[in-house]
Amino acid sequence: MADRRAEADWQGALTTGSGSVELRSSGTGTFPVTWASRVESPDGRTSPEELLAAAHAACYAMALSATLGRNDTPPERLRVASTVTLSPKEGGGVEVTDSLLEVSGTVPGLDAADFQRLAEAGEQGCPISNALRGNVRIAVTATLD
């Protein structure tokens, strides 16, 4: 088992307040957050959705690497982007609706169809995908370099 910890500090009302999120387990940084950074321009601040996108991209890259390795076609390189969408929620509020995974890679021994197939299989083994599944639409687009 591995536990990881982050802490948030918030002052003020939702739309006018501000805060920060600190990555405590790694100690790698403290990042400012505001409501505007979630629904308007980031302006140098992060959001829970950006942090979720980062977690999903990193987790998926590792899961796909493992999937490709089990296929005896380990990647030379994978580049993964995750775009997480925050949308208005029916009845009010907002909700995370989508995480689009886009992967490009250099994988000797695979054609485009096999890479897409294995990219989709790799998504099934991603712990972050599995935490989101059923609540967030997940799509995978894969291209070879």
N, C-alpha and C. Protein backbone atom coordinates (compact mmCIF):
# COMPACT_ATOMS: atom_id res chain seq x y z
N MET A 1 0.85 -1.16 0.00
CA MET A 1 0.00 0.00 0.00
C MET A 1 0.90 1.24 0.00
N ALA A 2 0.46 2.26 -0.71
CA ALA A 2 1.19 3.53 -0.75
C ALA A 2 0.19 4.67 -0.55
N ASP A 3 0.42 5.49 0.44
CA ASP A 3 -0.40 6.67 0.67
C ASP A 3 0.34 7.90 0.18
N ARG A 4 -0.37 8.80 -0.43
CA ARG A 4 0.19 10.08 -0.86
C ARG A 4 -0.71 11.17 -0.31
N ARG A 5 -0.11 12.33 0.00
CA ARG A 5 -0.87 13.38 0.67
C ARG A 5 -0.66 14.73 -0.01
N ALA A 6 -1.76 15.42 -0.16
CA ALA A 6 -1.74 16.81 -0.60
C ALA A 6 -2.64 17.58 0.36
N GLU A 7 -2.35 18.86 0.55
CA GLU A 7 -3.15 19.69 1.44
C GLU A 7 -3.55 20.97 0.73
N ALA A 8 -4.78 21.38 0.99
CA ALA A 8 -5.28 22.64 0.43
C ALA A 8 -5.57 23.61 1.57
N ASP A 9 -5.29 24.87 1.31
CA ASP A 9 -5.58 25.96 2.23
C ASP A 9 -6.40 26.97 1.45
N TRP A 10 -7.57 27.36 1.96
CA TRP A 10 -8.47 28.27 1.25
C TRP A 10 -8.91 29.39 2.18
N GLN A 11 -8.93 30.62 1.66
CA GLN A 11 -9.43 31.75 2.42
C GLN A 11 -10.46 32.49 1.59
N GLY A 12 -11.61 32.78 2.21
CA GLY A 12 -12.61 33.60 1.56
C GLY A 12 -13.71 32.83 0.88
N ALA A 13 -14.61 33.61 0.28
CA ALA A 13 -15.74 33.04 -0.44
C ALA A 13 -15.27 32.36 -1.72
N LEU A 14 -16.13 31.51 -2.28
CA LEU A 14 -15.75 30.72 -3.45
C LEU A 14 -15.24 31.59 -4.60
N THR A 15 -16.02 32.56 -5.03
CA THR A 15 -15.65 33.29 -6.26
C THR A 15 -14.63 34.40 -6.02
N THR A 16 -14.48 34.86 -4.80
CA THR A 16 -13.52 35.94 -4.54
C THR A 16 -12.33 35.50 -3.71
N GLY A 17 -12.41 34.30 -3.16
CA GLY A 17 -11.32 33.81 -2.32
C GLY A 17 -10.19 33.23 -3.14
N SER A 18 -9.21 32.72 -2.41
CA SER A 18 -8.07 32.08 -3.07
C SER A 18 -7.44 31.10 -2.09
N GLY A 19 -6.57 30.29 -2.64
CA GLY A 19 -5.92 29.30 -1.81
C GLY A 19 -4.69 28.72 -2.47
N SER A 20 -4.26 27.63 -1.90
CA SER A 20 -3.11 26.93 -2.46
C SER A 20 -3.27 25.45 -2.18
N VAL A 21 -2.60 24.67 -2.98
CA VAL A 21 -2.54 23.23 -2.77
C VAL A 21 -1.07 22.85 -2.71
N GLU A 22 -0.73 22.06 -1.71
CA GLU A 22 0.67 21.67 -1.49
C GLU A 22 0.80 20.16 -1.66
N LEU A 23 1.76 19.75 -2.44
CA LEU A 23 2.07 18.33 -2.62
C LEU A 23 2.96 17.91 -1.46
N ARG A 24 2.35 17.38 -0.42
CA ARG A 24 3.06 17.11 0.84
C ARG A 24 3.93 15.86 0.77
N SER A 25 3.46 14.82 0.14
CA SER A 25 4.24 13.57 0.13
C SER A 25 5.59 13.77 -0.52
N SER A 26 5.60 14.43 -1.66
CA SER A 26 6.84 14.62 -2.40
C SER A 26 7.56 15.89 -2.01
N GLY A 27 6.82 16.86 -1.48
CA GLY A 27 7.42 18.15 -1.15
C GLY A 27 7.85 18.92 -2.39
N THR A 28 7.27 18.61 -3.54
CA THR A 28 7.73 19.22 -4.78
C THR A 28 7.10 20.55 -5.12
N GLY A 29 6.11 20.99 -4.34
CA GLY A 29 5.59 22.30 -4.67
C GLY A 29 4.29 22.66 -3.99
N THR A 30 4.07 23.96 -3.96
CA THR A 30 2.82 24.55 -3.50
C THR A 30 2.32 25.42 -4.64
N PHE A 31 1.04 25.26 -4.99
CA PHE A 31 0.51 25.91 -6.18
C PHE A 31 -0.75 26.71 -5.83
N PRO A 32 -0.84 27.95 -6.33
CA PRO A 32 -2.02 28.77 -6.06
C PRO A 32 -3.23 28.28 -6.84
N VAL A 33 -4.43 28.41 -6.22
CA VAL A 33 -5.69 28.05 -6.85
C VAL A 33 -6.73 29.12 -6.56
N THR A 34 -7.62 29.34 -7.53
CA THR A 34 -8.77 30.22 -7.35
C THR A 34 -9.93 29.64 -8.14
N TRP A 35 -11.12 30.15 -7.88
CA TRP A 35 -12.27 29.74 -8.68
C TRP A 35 -12.04 30.12 -10.13
N ALA A 36 -11.53 31.32 -10.37
CA ALA A 36 -11.29 31.77 -11.75
C ALA A 36 -10.34 30.84 -12.48
N SER A 37 -9.35 30.27 -11.78
CA SER A 37 -8.42 29.36 -12.46
C SER A 37 -9.11 28.06 -12.87
N ARG A 38 -10.30 27.80 -12.34
CA ARG A 38 -11.07 26.62 -12.72
C ARG A 38 -11.97 26.89 -13.91
N VAL A 39 -12.57 28.09 -13.95
CA VAL A 39 -13.63 28.33 -14.94
C VAL A 39 -13.32 29.46 -15.92
N GLU A 40 -12.22 30.17 -15.70
CA GLU A 40 -11.82 31.24 -16.61
C GLU A 40 -10.38 30.98 -17.03
N SER A 41 -9.56 31.99 -16.99
CA SER A 41 -8.15 31.86 -17.38
C SER A 41 -7.30 31.41 -16.19
N PRO A 42 -6.38 30.47 -16.39
CA PRO A 42 -5.54 30.03 -15.29
C PRO A 42 -4.64 31.14 -14.71
N ASP A 43 -4.13 32.02 -15.57
CA ASP A 43 -3.29 33.14 -15.12
C ASP A 43 -2.23 32.72 -14.10
N GLY A 44 -1.54 31.64 -14.38
CA GLY A 44 -0.44 31.21 -13.52
C GLY A 44 -0.86 30.42 -12.30
N ARG A 45 -2.14 30.06 -12.23
CA ARG A 45 -2.63 29.26 -11.10
C ARG A 45 -3.11 27.92 -11.64
N THR A 46 -3.23 26.95 -10.77
CA THR A 46 -3.70 25.63 -11.18
C THR A 46 -5.14 25.44 -10.76
N SER A 47 -5.66 24.26 -10.99
CA SER A 47 -7.03 23.91 -10.59
C SER A 47 -7.06 22.43 -10.26
N PRO A 48 -8.08 22.00 -9.52
CA PRO A 48 -8.20 20.56 -9.29
C PRO A 48 -8.26 19.77 -10.59
N GLU A 49 -8.89 20.34 -11.61
CA GLU A 49 -9.00 19.63 -12.88
C GLU A 49 -7.66 19.49 -13.58
N GLU A 50 -6.81 20.50 -13.50
CA GLU A 50 -5.47 20.39 -14.07
C GLU A 50 -4.65 19.34 -13.32
N LEU A 51 -4.79 19.32 -12.00
CA LEU A 51 -4.07 18.33 -11.21
C LEU A 51 -4.57 16.92 -11.52
N LEU A 52 -5.88 16.78 -11.74
CA LEU A 52 -6.44 15.49 -12.14
C LEU A 52 -5.91 15.09 -13.51
N ALA A 53 -5.84 16.05 -14.44
CA ALA A 53 -5.29 15.76 -15.77
C ALA A 53 -3.84 15.29 -15.66
N ALA A 54 -3.06 15.93 -14.81
CA ALA A 54 -1.66 15.53 -14.63
C ALA A 54 -1.57 14.12 -14.07
N ALA A 55 -2.40 13.83 -13.09
CA ALA A 55 -2.40 12.49 -12.50
C ALA A 55 -2.81 11.44 -13.53
N HIS A 56 -3.82 11.77 -14.32
CA HIS A 56 -4.30 10.80 -15.31
C HIS A 56 -3.25 10.56 -16.39
N ALA A 57 -2.62 11.62 -16.87
CA ALA A 57 -1.60 11.47 -17.92
C ALA A 57 -0.42 10.63 -17.43
N ALA A 58 0.07 10.91 -16.23
CA ALA A 58 1.22 10.17 -15.70
C ALA A 58 0.87 8.71 -15.44
N CYS A 59 -0.28 8.48 -14.84
CA CYS A 59 -0.71 7.11 -14.54
C CYS A 59 -0.90 6.31 -15.82
N TYR A 60 -1.58 6.92 -16.79
CA TYR A 60 -1.83 6.22 -18.04
C TYR A 60 -0.54 5.91 -18.79
N ALA A 61 0.41 6.82 -18.78
CA ALA A 61 1.70 6.56 -19.45
C ALA A 61 2.36 5.32 -18.87
N MET A 62 2.31 5.18 -17.55
CA MET A 62 2.90 4.00 -16.91
C MET A 62 2.10 2.74 -17.23
N ALA A 63 0.78 2.83 -17.19
CA ALA A 63 -0.06 1.66 -17.49
C ALA A 63 0.13 1.20 -18.93
N LEU A 64 0.19 2.16 -19.87
CA LEU A 64 0.40 1.78 -21.26
C LEU A 64 1.79 1.18 -21.46
N SER A 65 2.79 1.72 -20.82
CA SER A 65 4.14 1.16 -20.91
C SER A 65 4.14 -0.30 -20.45
N ALA A 66 3.42 -0.58 -19.36
CA ALA A 66 3.34 -1.96 -18.87
C ALA A 66 2.61 -2.85 -19.87
N THR A 67 1.52 -2.35 -20.44
CA THR A 67 0.76 -3.12 -21.43
C THR A 67 1.61 -3.43 -22.65
N LEU A 68 2.33 -2.44 -23.12
CA LEU A 68 3.20 -2.65 -24.29
C LEU A 68 4.32 -3.63 -23.97
N GLY A 69 4.86 -3.56 -22.77
CA GLY A 69 5.89 -4.50 -22.36
C GLY A 69 5.40 -5.94 -22.33
N ARG A 70 4.18 -6.13 -21.81
CA ARG A 70 3.60 -7.48 -21.79
C ARG A 70 3.34 -8.00 -23.19
N ASN A 71 3.22 -7.10 -24.16
CA ASN A 71 3.02 -7.47 -25.56
C ASN A 71 4.36 -7.70 -26.28
N ASP A 72 5.46 -7.60 -25.55
CA ASP A 72 6.81 -7.71 -26.10
C ASP A 72 7.11 -6.62 -27.13
N THR A 73 6.47 -5.46 -26.95
CA THR A 73 6.73 -4.29 -27.80
C THR A 73 6.89 -3.06 -26.90
N PRO A 74 7.92 -3.07 -26.04
CA PRO A 74 8.08 -1.94 -25.12
C PRO A 74 8.30 -0.64 -25.89
N PRO A 75 7.78 0.46 -25.36
CA PRO A 75 7.92 1.72 -26.08
C PRO A 75 9.32 2.29 -25.93
N GLU A 76 9.77 2.98 -26.97
CA GLU A 76 10.97 3.81 -26.82
C GLU A 76 10.60 5.11 -26.11
N ARG A 77 9.40 5.61 -26.46
CA ARG A 77 8.95 6.87 -25.86
C ARG A 77 7.44 6.97 -26.00
N LEU A 78 6.80 7.49 -24.94
CA LEU A 78 5.37 7.81 -24.97
C LEU A 78 5.20 9.25 -24.51
N ARG A 79 4.32 9.96 -25.18
CA ARG A 79 3.93 11.31 -24.74
C ARG A 79 2.43 11.29 -24.57
N VAL A 80 1.97 11.61 -23.37
CA VAL A 80 0.55 11.54 -23.05
C VAL A 80 0.06 12.90 -22.59
N ALA A 81 -1.06 13.31 -23.14
CA ALA A 81 -1.77 14.50 -22.67
C ALA A 81 -3.15 14.06 -22.20
N SER A 82 -3.60 14.64 -21.11
CA SER A 82 -4.97 14.42 -20.65
C SER A 82 -5.64 15.78 -20.59
N THR A 83 -6.81 15.88 -21.19
CA THR A 83 -7.62 17.09 -21.11
C THR A 83 -8.86 16.75 -20.30
N VAL A 84 -8.95 17.35 -19.11
CA VAL A 84 -10.09 17.13 -18.22
C VAL A 84 -11.05 18.29 -18.39
N THR A 85 -12.33 17.96 -18.56
CA THR A 85 -13.36 18.96 -18.81
C THR A 85 -14.25 19.15 -17.59
N LEU A 86 -14.41 20.40 -17.17
CA LEU A 86 -15.34 20.80 -16.11
C LEU A 86 -16.53 21.43 -16.80
N SER A 87 -17.71 20.89 -16.57
CA SER A 87 -18.92 21.33 -17.27
C SER A 87 -20.00 21.72 -16.27
N PRO A 88 -20.93 22.58 -16.72
CA PRO A 88 -22.09 22.88 -15.87
C PRO A 88 -22.88 21.60 -15.58
N LYS A 89 -23.36 21.51 -14.37
CA LYS A 89 -24.12 20.33 -13.94
C LYS A 89 -25.61 20.65 -13.99
N GLU A 90 -26.38 19.69 -14.50
CA GLU A 90 -27.83 19.88 -14.53
C GLU A 90 -28.33 20.11 -13.11
N GLY A 91 -29.09 21.15 -12.93
CA GLY A 91 -29.59 21.50 -11.61
C GLY A 91 -28.70 22.46 -10.86
N GLY A 92 -27.58 22.83 -11.45
CA GLY A 92 -26.67 23.80 -10.83
C GLY A 92 -25.34 23.19 -10.44
N GLY A 93 -24.36 24.04 -10.34
CA GLY A 93 -23.02 23.60 -10.00
C GLY A 93 -22.24 23.15 -11.22
N VAL A 94 -21.13 22.50 -10.97
CA VAL A 94 -20.27 22.00 -12.04
C VAL A 94 -19.85 20.57 -11.72
N GLU A 95 -19.38 19.87 -12.76
CA GLU A 95 -18.89 18.51 -12.57
C GLU A 95 -17.83 18.20 -13.61
N VAL A 96 -16.93 17.30 -13.27
CA VAL A 96 -15.96 16.79 -14.23
C VAL A 96 -16.69 15.76 -15.09
N THR A 97 -16.65 15.99 -16.41
CA THR A 97 -17.40 15.11 -17.32
C THR A 97 -16.52 14.23 -18.20
N ASP A 98 -15.31 14.68 -18.52
CA ASP A 98 -14.48 13.97 -19.50
C ASP A 98 -13.01 14.03 -19.13
N SER A 99 -12.30 13.00 -19.55
CA SER A 99 -10.85 13.02 -19.58
C SER A 99 -10.43 12.39 -20.90
N LEU A 100 -9.94 13.22 -21.79
CA LEU A 100 -9.49 12.77 -23.10
C LEU A 100 -7.99 12.50 -23.02
N LEU A 101 -7.60 11.26 -23.25
CA LEU A 101 -6.20 10.88 -23.27
C LEU A 101 -5.72 10.85 -24.71
N GLU A 102 -4.65 11.57 -24.99
CA GLU A 102 -4.03 11.58 -26.30
C GLU A 102 -2.59 11.10 -26.12
N VAL A 103 -2.26 10.00 -26.76
CA VAL A 103 -0.93 9.44 -26.64
C VAL A 103 -0.29 9.34 -28.01
N SER A 104 0.97 9.75 -28.07
CA SER A 104 1.77 9.49 -29.25
C SER A 104 3.02 8.77 -28.76
N GLY A 105 3.53 7.93 -29.63
CA GLY A 105 4.67 7.15 -29.17
C GLY A 105 5.50 6.56 -30.28
N THR A 106 6.70 6.19 -29.89
CA THR A 106 7.60 5.45 -30.74
C THR A 106 7.63 4.04 -30.17
N VAL A 107 7.03 3.10 -30.92
CA VAL A 107 6.90 1.73 -30.45
C VAL A 107 7.25 0.80 -31.61
N PRO A 108 8.50 0.34 -31.67
CA PRO A 108 8.89 -0.57 -32.75
C PRO A 108 8.05 -1.84 -32.73
N GLY A 109 7.69 -2.30 -33.92
CA GLY A 109 6.97 -3.55 -34.05
C GLY A 109 5.46 -3.43 -34.06
N LEU A 110 4.93 -2.20 -33.96
CA LEU A 110 3.48 -2.02 -33.98
C LEU A 110 3.06 -1.16 -35.16
N ASP A 111 1.90 -1.47 -35.70
CA ASP A 111 1.28 -0.58 -36.68
C ASP A 111 0.26 0.29 -35.94
N ALA A 112 -0.35 1.23 -36.64
CA ALA A 112 -1.26 2.18 -36.01
C ALA A 112 -2.46 1.48 -35.36
N ALA A 113 -3.02 0.48 -36.02
CA ALA A 113 -4.19 -0.21 -35.47
C ALA A 113 -3.85 -0.95 -34.18
N ASP A 114 -2.69 -1.63 -34.18
CA ASP A 114 -2.28 -2.34 -32.97
C ASP A 114 -1.97 -1.37 -31.83
N PHE A 115 -1.37 -0.24 -32.15
CA PHE A 115 -1.08 0.75 -31.12
C PHE A 115 -2.37 1.27 -30.50
N GLN A 116 -3.36 1.58 -31.32
CA GLN A 116 -4.65 2.05 -30.80
C GLN A 116 -5.29 0.97 -29.93
N ARG A 117 -5.26 -0.27 -30.37
CA ARG A 117 -5.85 -1.37 -29.60
C ARG A 117 -5.16 -1.52 -28.24
N LEU A 118 -3.84 -1.49 -28.25
CA LEU A 118 -3.10 -1.64 -27.00
C LEU A 118 -3.23 -0.38 -26.12
N ALA A 119 -3.37 0.78 -26.75
CA ALA A 119 -3.58 2.01 -25.99
C ALA A 119 -4.90 1.94 -25.24
N GLU A 120 -5.93 1.40 -25.87
CA GLU A 120 -7.22 1.25 -25.20
C GLU A 120 -7.14 0.19 -24.11
N ALA A 121 -6.40 -0.88 -24.35
CA ALA A 121 -6.23 -1.92 -23.33
C ALA A 121 -5.45 -1.36 -22.14
N GLY A 122 -4.44 -0.55 -22.41
CA GLY A 122 -3.66 0.05 -21.33
C GLY A 122 -4.49 0.95 -20.45
N GLU A 123 -5.47 1.62 -21.05
CA GLU A 123 -6.34 2.51 -20.26
C GLU A 123 -7.13 1.71 -19.23
N GLN A 124 -7.48 0.47 -19.56
CA GLN A 124 -8.23 -0.37 -18.63
C GLN A 124 -7.42 -0.73 -17.39
N GLY A 125 -6.08 -0.69 -17.51
CA GLY A 125 -5.22 -1.03 -16.39
C GLY A 125 -4.71 0.18 -15.62
N CYS A 126 -5.17 1.35 -15.96
CA CYS A 126 -4.70 2.58 -15.30
C CYS A 126 -5.51 2.81 -14.02
N PRO A 127 -4.87 2.83 -12.84
CA PRO A 127 -5.60 3.04 -11.60
C PRO A 127 -6.40 4.35 -11.55
N ILE A 128 -5.90 5.41 -12.15
CA ILE A 128 -6.66 6.67 -12.15
C ILE A 128 -7.88 6.52 -13.06
N SER A 129 -7.72 5.91 -14.23
CA SER A 129 -8.88 5.63 -15.08
C SER A 129 -9.92 4.82 -14.32
N ASN A 130 -9.46 3.81 -13.61
CA ASN A 130 -10.39 2.95 -12.89
C ASN A 130 -11.08 3.67 -11.75
N ALA A 131 -10.43 4.65 -11.16
CA ALA A 131 -11.07 5.47 -10.12
C ALA A 131 -12.14 6.38 -10.73
N LEU A 132 -11.91 6.84 -11.95
CA LEU A 132 -12.84 7.75 -12.63
C LEU A 132 -13.98 7.02 -13.33
N ARG A 133 -13.72 5.79 -13.76
CA ARG A 133 -14.66 5.05 -14.61
C ARG A 133 -16.05 4.99 -13.97
N GLY A 134 -17.04 5.24 -14.81
CA GLY A 134 -18.41 5.23 -14.34
C GLY A 134 -18.91 6.61 -13.96
N ASN A 135 -17.98 7.54 -13.74
CA ASN A 135 -18.34 8.91 -13.40
C ASN A 135 -17.88 9.91 -14.45
N VAL A 136 -16.84 9.57 -15.17
CA VAL A 136 -16.21 10.47 -16.13
C VAL A 136 -16.02 9.71 -17.44
N ARG A 137 -16.40 10.33 -18.56
CA ARG A 137 -16.14 9.70 -19.87
C ARG A 137 -14.64 9.74 -20.13
N ILE A 138 -14.10 8.62 -20.55
CA ILE A 138 -12.68 8.53 -20.87
C ILE A 138 -12.56 8.08 -22.31
N ALA A 139 -11.76 8.82 -23.08
CA ALA A 139 -11.51 8.47 -24.48
C ALA A 139 -10.00 8.43 -24.69
N VAL A 140 -9.57 7.55 -25.59
CA VAL A 140 -8.14 7.39 -25.90
C VAL A 140 -7.94 7.55 -27.40
N THR A 141 -7.03 8.42 -27.76
CA THR A 141 -6.60 8.58 -29.14
C THR A 141 -5.10 8.31 -29.19
N ALA A 142 -4.69 7.38 -30.03
CA ALA A 142 -3.28 6.98 -30.09
C ALA A 142 -2.73 7.15 -31.50
N THR A 143 -1.53 7.71 -31.59
CA THR A 143 -0.85 7.86 -32.87
C THR A 143 0.62 7.48 -32.69
N LEU A 144 1.16 6.82 -33.71
CA LEU A 144 2.58 6.51 -33.72
C LEU A 144 3.35 7.68 -34.30
N ASP A 145 4.55 7.86 -33.77
CA ASP A 145 5.44 8.92 -34.30
C ASP A 145 6.04 8.49 -35.62
